[in-house]
Structure formats: structure tokens, C-alpha cells
Amino acid sequence: MKAVLFDLDGTLLNRDASLEAFIRDQYDRFPQVVGHIPKDVYCEAFIKFDQRGYVWKDKVYQRMISEFKLKGVTPEELLHDYVSEFKHHCVPFPNLVAMLEELTSRNLTLGIISNGFGQFQMDNIKALGIQGYFDAIFISEWEGLKKPEANLFYRALSKLGALPEESLFIGDHPENDVHAAKRIGMKGVWKKDNHWETPDADAVIDDLIELPRLLDKLEPEKERKH
């Protein structure tokens, strides 16, 4: 293996925990708008309408304003707050930095391929303090391509100087991450997520710290004997 590539949300960034931390803080910062609604009710509705990030926030806030008859604020104002403040609530998955340190010590080239808005996702990567570990970061808005499109994976591999068969991709989404990577000849590793059914992956990890041991298993026999 020469290159290891990662999805961001749900793989390196614990998006569920980050979103809950953000929306609870936003509730506290807009008491004049939402204070008449129980905090748990408001936050649970937001998380439900968000559908784990697959509904962009302009639509989510429009629905929140309609659902709770919010006064004195526009969807655009709440969206701006989300874009500017979410990065302050980013929660990493356990052992993120320890895993990246181990892979870096093995002289592997590392990359990220993430769907989403460019600066927003880059702000979150910086907030996690991990930007410096990666040789290339590809975000769908900036690339004009999105997972599971094969050309996005090929573009990243070209930048990293690795062939598909020399590379491994780790992500939580069965189709956009695991199956997309496998279709072009990469190893597809599933970061376990109970919201999805188990995909046809080359391997499954529950904790990021399992990844170095998994790479040991994937090394050719002749390499293990040296």
C-alpha cells in the first residue's frame, strides 16, 4: 500500500456529535427567537430534518421556521450562523491523531475525498487540527465532481502518485465510499456506522486505531518476511 484516503464526515469527523453540539449552542445564542420552545424538542427536530447532512441547511432552516413559527429571524441569518460557527464544534472520532501519526510514520501518502462545500469542509478539517497530515484534499464543490463518481477518485490518486491497487479508501457510506472505491480497484474499508447496512467491504473497522493493524494484514507476504 502506498496511499490511504479517507472520507471526512462520519469517518474522521464525528458529524452526529458535532451537529448536536452546534445546534445546542445555536439555540442558546438565539434565545429571543427559540426560547419559547423546549431545547430538546428544538434540537431533535433540527437533527431529524437535517437527515445526517443530506439536506442542506437552507432547507432545514426554512422548515424549522415554518414548523415552530419562528419570528425575528430569516433562514439566511441562521444559515450564515451555521456556516460561520459549525467549525467551533467539530468533534473527532477517538484515536484520530494517533492513527494519522502511525500512518505518517510509515511514509504512506494520505488524502481526503469529501462531498460538500469547499471552504466549509476545509474549515472543519482545520478545526480538527489534521490538515498537515494530508498530501491532498479533494472536496466535491471545488472539484466539480462528487462521490461516487470514479473520476474524483482517479484525480486524487493521480495527485498522490498511486495506482488504485496500491491504495485503500476508508469511509462510512456504503455506496459513495466503499463500493465506489472498490469499483476502480482500490481496497474499500467501511468505518462502521449503524445507520447503514453492512456493505460488501474488503474490511470493517469500528475504531480508527484498528487501521494500522489492518494495513499490516494487507501487506504482501514477501514484505512481512523482511
C-alpha atoms as a PDB file:
ATOM      1  CA  MET A   1       0.000   0.000   0.000  1.00  0.00           C
ATOM      2  CA  LYS A   2       1.273   3.440  -0.966  1.00  0.00           C
ATOM      3  CA  ALA A   3      -1.753   5.640  -0.309  1.00  0.00           C
ATOM      4  CA  VAL A   4      -4.574   5.762   2.222  1.00  0.00           C
ATOM      5  CA  LEU A   5      -7.554   8.004   1.517  1.00  0.00           C
ATOM      6  CA  PHE A   6     -10.394   8.971   3.808  1.00  0.00           C
ATOM      7  CA  ASP A   7     -13.895  10.307   3.740  1.00  0.00           C
ATOM      8  CA  LEU A   8     -14.423  13.162   6.233  1.00  0.00           C
ATOM      9  CA  ASP A   9     -17.927  13.243   7.743  1.00  0.00           C
ATOM     10  CA  GLY A  10     -18.723  10.082   9.648  1.00  0.00           C
ATOM     11  CA  THR A  11     -15.184   8.786   9.220  1.00  0.00           C
ATOM     12  CA  LEU A  12     -12.728  11.289  10.700  1.00  0.00           C
ATOM     13  CA  LEU A  13     -15.245  13.858  11.934  1.00  0.00           C
ATOM     14  CA  ASN A  14     -17.974  12.614  14.253  1.00  0.00           C
ATOM     15  CA  ARG A  15     -20.617  14.617  12.457  1.00  0.00           C
ATOM     16  CA  ASP A  16     -23.531  13.461  14.613  1.00  0.00           C
ATOM     17  CA  ALA A  17     -21.848  14.650  17.810  1.00  0.00           C
ATOM     18  CA  SER A  18     -20.618  17.836  16.129  1.00  0.00           C
ATOM     19  CA  LEU A  19     -24.058  18.733  14.827  1.00  0.00           C
ATOM     20  CA  GLU A  20     -25.691  18.191  18.197  1.00  0.00           C
ATOM     21  CA  ALA A  21     -23.057  20.351  19.906  1.00  0.00           C
ATOM     22  CA  PHE A  22     -23.581  23.084  17.327  1.00  0.00           C
ATOM     23  CA  ILE A  23     -27.386  23.179  17.378  1.00  0.00           C
ATOM     24  CA  ARG A  24     -27.481  23.243  21.181  1.00  0.00           C
ATOM     25  CA  ASP A  25     -25.095  26.180  21.171  1.00  0.00           C
ATOM     26  CA  GLN A  26     -27.069  27.959  18.445  1.00  0.00           C
ATOM     27  CA  TYR A  27     -30.242  27.536  20.484  1.00  0.00           C
ATOM     28  CA  ASP A  28     -28.532  29.245  23.425  1.00  0.00           C
ATOM     29  CA  ARG A  29     -27.357  32.122  21.214  1.00  0.00           C
ATOM     30  CA  PHE A  30     -30.833  32.885  19.836  1.00  0.00           C
ATOM     31  CA  PRO A  31     -32.996  32.938  22.996  1.00  0.00           C
ATOM     32  CA  GLN A  32     -35.274  35.679  21.684  1.00  0.00           C
ATOM     33  CA  VAL A  33     -36.138  33.504  18.665  1.00  0.00           C
ATOM     34  CA  VAL A  34     -36.338  29.974  20.042  1.00  0.00           C
ATOM     35  CA  GLY A  35     -36.568  30.392  23.816  1.00  0.00           C
ATOM     36  CA  HIS A  36     -40.274  29.571  23.893  1.00  0.00           C
ATOM     37  CA  ILE A  37     -39.518  26.050  22.558  1.00  0.00           C
ATOM     38  CA  PRO A  38     -38.047  23.358  24.834  1.00  0.00           C
ATOM     39  CA  LYS A  39     -34.391  22.949  23.921  1.00  0.00           C
ATOM     40  CA  ASP A  40     -34.532  19.186  23.441  1.00  0.00           C
ATOM     41  CA  VAL A  41     -37.603  19.475  21.192  1.00  0.00           C
ATOM     42  CA  TYR A  42     -35.942  22.106  19.011  1.00  0.00           C
ATOM     43  CA  CYS A  43     -32.614  20.269  18.731  1.00  0.00           C
ATOM     44  CA  GLU A  44     -34.190  16.893  17.995  1.00  0.00           C
ATOM     45  CA  ALA A  45     -36.285  18.431  15.207  1.00  0.00           C
ATOM     46  CA  PHE A  46     -33.236  20.050  13.630  1.00  0.00           C
ATOM     47  CA  ILE A  47     -31.289  16.788  13.674  1.00  0.00           C
ATOM     48  CA  LYS A  48     -34.267  14.951  12.177  1.00  0.00           C
ATOM     49  CA  PHE A  49     -34.774  17.486   9.367  1.00  0.00           C
ATOM     50  CA  ASP A  50     -31.030  17.518   8.630  1.00  0.00           C
ATOM     51  CA  GLN A  51     -31.119  13.812   7.701  1.00  0.00           C
ATOM     52  CA  ARG A  52     -27.456  13.366   8.628  1.00  0.00           C
ATOM     53  CA  GLY A  53     -26.317  16.149   6.331  1.00  0.00           C
ATOM     54  CA  TYR A  54     -28.115  15.006   3.206  1.00  0.00           C
ATOM     55  CA  VAL A  55     -30.453  18.014   3.373  1.00  0.00           C
ATOM     56  CA  TRP A  56     -28.614  21.315   3.073  1.00  0.00           C
ATOM     57  CA  LYS A  57     -29.227  23.767   5.859  1.00  0.00           C
ATOM     58  CA  ASP A  58     -31.136  26.388   3.876  1.00  0.00           C
ATOM     59  CA  LYS A  59     -33.949  23.849   3.543  1.00  0.00           C
ATOM     60  CA  VAL A  60     -33.589  22.726   7.152  1.00  0.00           C
ATOM     61  CA  TYR A  61     -33.888  26.268   8.495  1.00  0.00           C
ATOM     62  CA  GLN A  62     -36.842  27.047   6.247  1.00  0.00           C
ATOM     63  CA  ARG A  63     -38.594  24.045   7.692  1.00  0.00           C
ATOM     64  CA  MET A  64     -37.634  24.931  11.274  1.00  0.00           C
ATOM     65  CA  ILE A  65     -39.028  28.443  10.880  1.00  0.00           C
ATOM     66  CA  SER A  66     -42.249  27.066   9.418  1.00  0.00           C
ATOM     67  CA  GLU A  67     -42.588  24.207  11.905  1.00  0.00           C
ATOM     68  CA  PHE A  68     -42.036  26.312  15.020  1.00  0.00           C
ATOM     69  CA  LYS A  69     -43.384  29.616  13.627  1.00  0.00           C
ATOM     70  CA  LEU A  70     -40.153  31.404  14.480  1.00  0.00           C
ATOM     71  CA  LYS A  71     -40.228  35.199  14.406  1.00  0.00           C
ATOM     72  CA  GLY A  72     -37.497  37.794  14.078  1.00  0.00           C
ATOM     73  CA  VAL A  73     -35.027  35.715  12.081  1.00  0.00           C
ATOM     74  CA  THR A  74     -34.613  34.569   8.480  1.00  0.00           C
ATOM     75  CA  PRO A  75     -33.364  31.235   7.119  1.00  0.00           C
ATOM     76  CA  GLU A  76     -30.423  33.139   5.634  1.00  0.00           C
ATOM     77  CA  GLU A  77     -29.376  34.515   9.019  1.00  0.00           C
ATOM     78  CA  LEU A  78     -29.488  31.095  10.638  1.00  0.00           C
ATOM     79  CA  LEU A  79     -27.638  29.544   7.696  1.00  0.00           C
ATOM     80  CA  HIS A  80     -24.910  32.182   7.921  1.00  0.00           C
ATOM     81  CA  ASP A  81     -24.564  31.389  11.605  1.00  0.00           C
ATOM     82  CA  TYR A  82     -24.259  27.685  10.810  1.00  0.00           C
ATOM     83  CA  VAL A  83     -21.575  28.243   8.169  1.00  0.00           C
ATOM     84  CA  SER A  84     -19.518  30.515  10.407  1.00  0.00           C
ATOM     85  CA  GLU A  85     -19.958  28.699  13.721  1.00  0.00           C
ATOM     86  CA  PHE A  86     -20.091  24.958  12.991  1.00  0.00           C
ATOM     87  CA  LYS A  87     -16.294  24.698  12.830  1.00  0.00           C
ATOM     88  CA  HIS A  88     -16.117  25.608  16.515  1.00  0.00           C
ATOM     89  CA  HIS A  89     -17.991  22.416  17.422  1.00  0.00           C
ATOM     90  CA  CYS A  90     -16.095  19.771  15.454  1.00  0.00           C
ATOM     91  CA  VAL A  91     -15.737  16.502  17.367  1.00  0.00           C
ATOM     92  CA  PRO A  92     -13.148  13.980  16.117  1.00  0.00           C
ATOM     93  CA  PHE A  93     -13.614  10.259  16.366  1.00  0.00           C
ATOM     94  CA  PRO A  94     -11.427   8.642  19.042  1.00  0.00           C
ATOM     95  CA  ASN A  95      -7.788   7.978  18.171  1.00  0.00           C
ATOM     96  CA  LEU A  96      -7.861  10.169  15.059  1.00  0.00           C
ATOM     97  CA  VAL A  97      -4.483  11.838  15.599  1.00  0.00           C
ATOM     98  CA  ALA A  98      -2.822   8.675  16.934  1.00  0.00           C
ATOM     99  CA  MET A  99      -3.896   6.817  13.784  1.00  0.00           C
ATOM    100  CA  LEU A 100      -2.645   9.566  11.476  1.00  0.00           C
ATOM    101  CA  GLU A 101       0.672   9.725  13.333  1.00  0.00           C
ATOM    102  CA  GLU A 102       1.122   5.982  12.864  1.00  0.00           C
ATOM    103  CA  LEU A 103       0.344   6.079   9.151  1.00  0.00           C
ATOM    104  CA  THR A 104       2.623   9.073   8.634  1.00  0.00           C
ATOM    105  CA  SER A 105       5.459   7.227  10.371  1.00  0.00           C
ATOM    106  CA  ARG A 106       5.096   4.500   7.737  1.00  0.00           C
ATOM    107  CA  ASN A 107       5.680   7.049   4.938  1.00  0.00           C
ATOM    108  CA  LEU A 108       2.254   6.477   3.430  1.00  0.00           C
ATOM    109  CA  THR A 109       0.713   9.263   1.393  1.00  0.00           C
ATOM    110  CA  LEU A 110      -2.605  10.368   2.827  1.00  0.00           C
ATOM    111  CA  GLY A 111      -5.612  12.049   1.229  1.00  0.00           C
ATOM    112  CA  ILE A 112      -9.189  13.116   1.874  1.00  0.00           C
ATOM    113  CA  ILE A 113     -12.084  12.938  -0.590  1.00  0.00           C
ATOM    114  CA  SER A 114     -15.187  14.626   0.791  1.00  0.00           C
ATOM    115  CA  ASN A 115     -18.516  15.636  -0.651  1.00  0.00           C
ATOM    116  CA  GLY A 116     -19.671  19.064   0.441  1.00  0.00           C
ATOM    117  CA  PHE A 117     -18.943  22.760   0.193  1.00  0.00           C
ATOM    118  CA  GLY A 118     -15.276  23.589  -0.182  1.00  0.00           C
ATOM    119  CA  GLN A 119     -14.461  26.223   2.414  1.00  0.00           C
ATOM    120  CA  PHE A 120     -16.939  24.788   4.916  1.00  0.00           C
ATOM    121  CA  GLN A 121     -15.325  21.356   4.800  1.00  0.00           C
ATOM    122  CA  MET A 122     -11.806  22.797   4.822  1.00  0.00           C
ATOM    123  CA  ASP A 123     -12.663  24.851   7.911  1.00  0.00           C
ATOM    124  CA  ASN A 124     -13.776  21.648   9.631  1.00  0.00           C
ATOM    125  CA  ILE A 125     -10.572  19.830   8.664  1.00  0.00           C
ATOM    126  CA  LYS A 126      -8.534  22.717  10.088  1.00  0.00           C
ATOM    127  CA  ALA A 127     -10.668  22.715  13.233  1.00  0.00           C
ATOM    128  CA  LEU A 128      -9.761  19.078  13.798  1.00  0.00           C
ATOM    129  CA  GLY A 129      -6.083  20.061  13.543  1.00  0.00           C
ATOM    130  CA  ILE A 130      -5.318  17.434  10.904  1.00  0.00           C
ATOM    131  CA  GLN A 131      -4.735  19.373   7.679  1.00  0.00           C
ATOM    132  CA  GLY A 132      -0.959  18.943   7.859  1.00  0.00           C
ATOM    133  CA  TYR A 133      -1.155  15.153   7.755  1.00  0.00           C
ATOM    134  CA  PHE A 134      -2.634  15.081   4.246  1.00  0.00           C
ATOM    135  CA  ASP A 135      -0.820  15.295   0.934  1.00  0.00           C
ATOM    136  CA  ALA A 136      -4.036  16.092  -0.950  1.00  0.00           C
ATOM    137  CA  ILE A 137      -7.566  17.154  -0.017  1.00  0.00           C
ATOM    138  CA  PHE A 138     -10.380  16.935  -2.563  1.00  0.00           C
ATOM    139  CA  ILE A 139     -13.788  18.478  -1.841  1.00  0.00           C
ATOM    140  CA  SER A 140     -16.598  17.988  -4.314  1.00  0.00           C
ATOM    141  CA  GLU A 141     -17.608  21.646  -4.726  1.00  0.00           C
ATOM    142  CA  TRP A 142     -14.063  22.660  -5.632  1.00  0.00           C
ATOM    143  CA  GLU A 143     -13.519  19.669  -7.914  1.00  0.00           C
ATOM    144  CA  GLY A 144     -16.800  19.853  -9.831  1.00  0.00           C
ATOM    145  CA  LEU A 145     -17.224  16.136  -9.122  1.00  0.00           C
ATOM    146  CA  LYS A 146     -18.701  14.234  -6.223  1.00  0.00           C
ATOM    147  CA  LYS A 147     -18.530  10.735  -4.830  1.00  0.00           C
ATOM    148  CA  PRO A 148     -19.300   8.118  -6.041  1.00  0.00           C
ATOM    149  CA  GLU A 149     -18.016   9.461  -9.406  1.00  0.00           C
ATOM    150  CA  ALA A 150     -14.947   7.451 -10.376  1.00  0.00           C
ATOM    151  CA  ASN A 151     -13.087  10.422 -11.848  1.00  0.00           C
ATOM    152  CA  LEU A 152     -12.887  12.062  -8.437  1.00  0.00           C
ATOM    153  CA  PHE A 153     -11.076   9.021  -7.062  1.00  0.00           C
ATOM    154  CA  TYR A 154      -8.785   8.847 -10.092  1.00  0.00           C
ATOM    155  CA  ARG A 155      -7.949  12.539  -9.725  1.00  0.00           C
ATOM    156  CA  ALA A 156      -6.982  12.062  -6.099  1.00  0.00           C
ATOM    157  CA  LEU A 157      -4.862   9.009  -6.845  1.00  0.00           C
ATOM    158  CA  SER A 158      -3.062  10.867  -9.624  1.00  0.00           C
ATOM    159  CA  LYS A 159      -2.209  13.672  -7.222  1.00  0.00           C
ATOM    160  CA  LEU A 160      -0.904  11.154  -4.688  1.00  0.00           C
ATOM    161  CA  GLY A 161       1.086   9.234  -7.312  1.00  0.00           C
ATOM    162  CA  ALA A 162      -0.561   5.910  -6.529  1.00  0.00           C
ATOM    163  CA  LEU A 163      -2.401   3.279  -8.535  1.00  0.00           C
ATOM    164  CA  PRO A 164      -5.802   2.007  -7.361  1.00  0.00           C
ATOM    165  CA  GLU A 165      -4.368  -1.390  -6.439  1.00  0.00           C
ATOM    166  CA  GLU A 166      -1.803   0.353  -4.215  1.00  0.00           C
ATOM    167  CA  SER A 167      -4.435   2.329  -2.374  1.00  0.00           C
ATOM    168  CA  LEU A 168      -7.084   1.988   0.282  1.00  0.00           C
ATOM    169  CA  PHE A 169     -10.171   4.103   0.966  1.00  0.00           C
ATOM    170  CA  ILE A 170     -11.948   4.352   4.305  1.00  0.00           C
ATOM    171  CA  GLY A 171     -15.464   5.745   4.639  1.00  0.00           C
ATOM    172  CA  ASP A 172     -18.798   5.280   6.352  1.00  0.00           C
ATOM    173  CA  HIS A 173     -21.105   5.400   3.321  1.00  0.00           C
ATOM    174  CA  PRO A 174     -21.587   2.011   1.632  1.00  0.00           C
ATOM    175  CA  GLU A 175     -22.073   3.363  -1.900  1.00  0.00           C
ATOM    176  CA  ASN A 176     -20.258   6.712  -2.004  1.00  0.00           C
ATOM    177  CA  ASP A 177     -17.190   5.406  -0.196  1.00  0.00           C
ATOM    178  CA  VAL A 178     -16.781   1.633  -0.074  1.00  0.00           C
ATOM    179  CA  HIS A 179     -18.380   0.468  -3.309  1.00  0.00           C
ATOM    180  CA  ALA A 180     -17.134   3.465  -5.295  1.00  0.00           C
ATOM    181  CA  ALA A 181     -13.554   2.772  -4.250  1.00  0.00           C
ATOM    182  CA  LYS A 182     -13.807  -0.938  -4.940  1.00  0.00           C
ATOM    183  CA  ARG A 183     -15.207  -0.341  -8.438  1.00  0.00           C
ATOM    184  CA  ILE A 184     -11.952   1.284  -9.534  1.00  0.00           C
ATOM    185  CA  GLY A 185      -9.747  -1.342  -7.912  1.00  0.00           C
ATOM    186  CA  MET A 186      -8.989   0.217  -4.545  1.00  0.00           C
ATOM    187  CA  LYS A 187      -9.418  -1.599  -1.256  1.00  0.00           C
ATOM    188  CA  GLY A 188     -12.672  -0.388   0.287  1.00  0.00           C
ATOM    189  CA  VAL A 189     -12.807  -0.270   4.089  1.00  0.00           C
ATOM    190  CA  TRP A 190     -16.025   0.513   5.925  1.00  0.00           C
ATOM    191  CA  LYS A 191     -15.912   2.713   9.027  1.00  0.00           C
ATOM    192  CA  LYS A 192     -18.786   1.067  10.849  1.00  0.00           C
ATOM    193  CA  ASP A 193     -21.940   3.149  11.110  1.00  0.00           C
ATOM    194  CA  ASN A 194     -25.095   1.587  12.479  1.00  0.00           C
ATOM    195  CA  HIS A 195     -27.275   3.832  10.320  1.00  0.00           C
ATOM    196  CA  TRP A 196     -26.254   1.781   7.257  1.00  0.00           C
ATOM    197  CA  GLU A 197     -26.417  -1.879   6.379  1.00  0.00           C
ATOM    198  CA  THR A 198     -23.016  -3.571   6.229  1.00  0.00           C
ATOM    199  CA  PRO A 199     -21.624  -3.174   2.704  1.00  0.00           C
ATOM    200  CA  ASP A 200     -19.522  -5.597   0.662  1.00  0.00           C
ATOM    201  CA  ALA A 201     -16.271  -4.176   2.021  1.00  0.00           C
ATOM    202  CA  ASP A 202     -12.740  -5.560   1.993  1.00  0.00           C
ATOM    203  CA  ALA A 203     -12.643  -4.918   5.731  1.00  0.00           C
ATOM    204  CA  VAL A 204     -14.625  -3.253   8.511  1.00  0.00           C
ATOM    205  CA  ILE A 205     -13.238  -1.118  11.334  1.00  0.00           C
ATOM    206  CA  ASP A 206     -15.093   0.268  14.325  1.00  0.00           C
ATOM    207  CA  ASP A 207     -12.270   2.417  15.708  1.00  0.00           C
ATOM    208  CA  LEU A 208      -9.687   4.345  13.674  1.00  0.00           C
ATOM    209  CA  ILE A 209      -6.850   2.847  15.718  1.00  0.00           C
ATOM    210  CA  GLU A 210      -7.619  -0.501  14.040  1.00  0.00           C
ATOM    211  CA  LEU A 211      -6.426   0.816  10.684  1.00  0.00           C
ATOM    212  CA  PRO A 212      -2.642   0.330  11.114  1.00  0.00           C
ATOM    213  CA  ARG A 213      -3.181  -3.307  12.104  1.00  0.00           C
ATOM    214  CA  LEU A 214      -5.422  -3.764   9.090  1.00  0.00           C
ATOM    215  CA  LEU A 215      -2.707  -2.403   6.814  1.00  0.00           C
ATOM    216  CA  ASP A 216      -0.281  -4.951   8.262  1.00  0.00           C
ATOM    217  CA  LYS A 217      -2.629  -7.716   7.152  1.00  0.00           C
ATOM    218  CA  LEU A 218      -2.817  -6.295   3.647  1.00  0.00           C
ATOM    219  CA  GLU A 219       0.955  -6.132   3.125  1.00  0.00           C
ATOM    220  CA  PRO A 220       2.275  -8.714   0.640  1.00  0.00           C
ATOM    221  CA  GLU A 221       3.719 -11.852   2.179  1.00  0.00           C
ATOM    222  CA  LYS A 222       7.246 -11.055   0.964  1.00  0.00           C
ATOM    223  CA  GLU A 223       7.097  -7.683   2.712  1.00  0.00           C
ATOM    224  CA  ARG A 224       6.068  -9.256   6.015  1.00  0.00           C
ATOM    225  CA  LYS A 225       9.074 -11.601   5.880  1.00  0.00           C
ATOM    226  CA  HIS A 226      11.581  -8.726   5.630  1.00  0.00           C
END
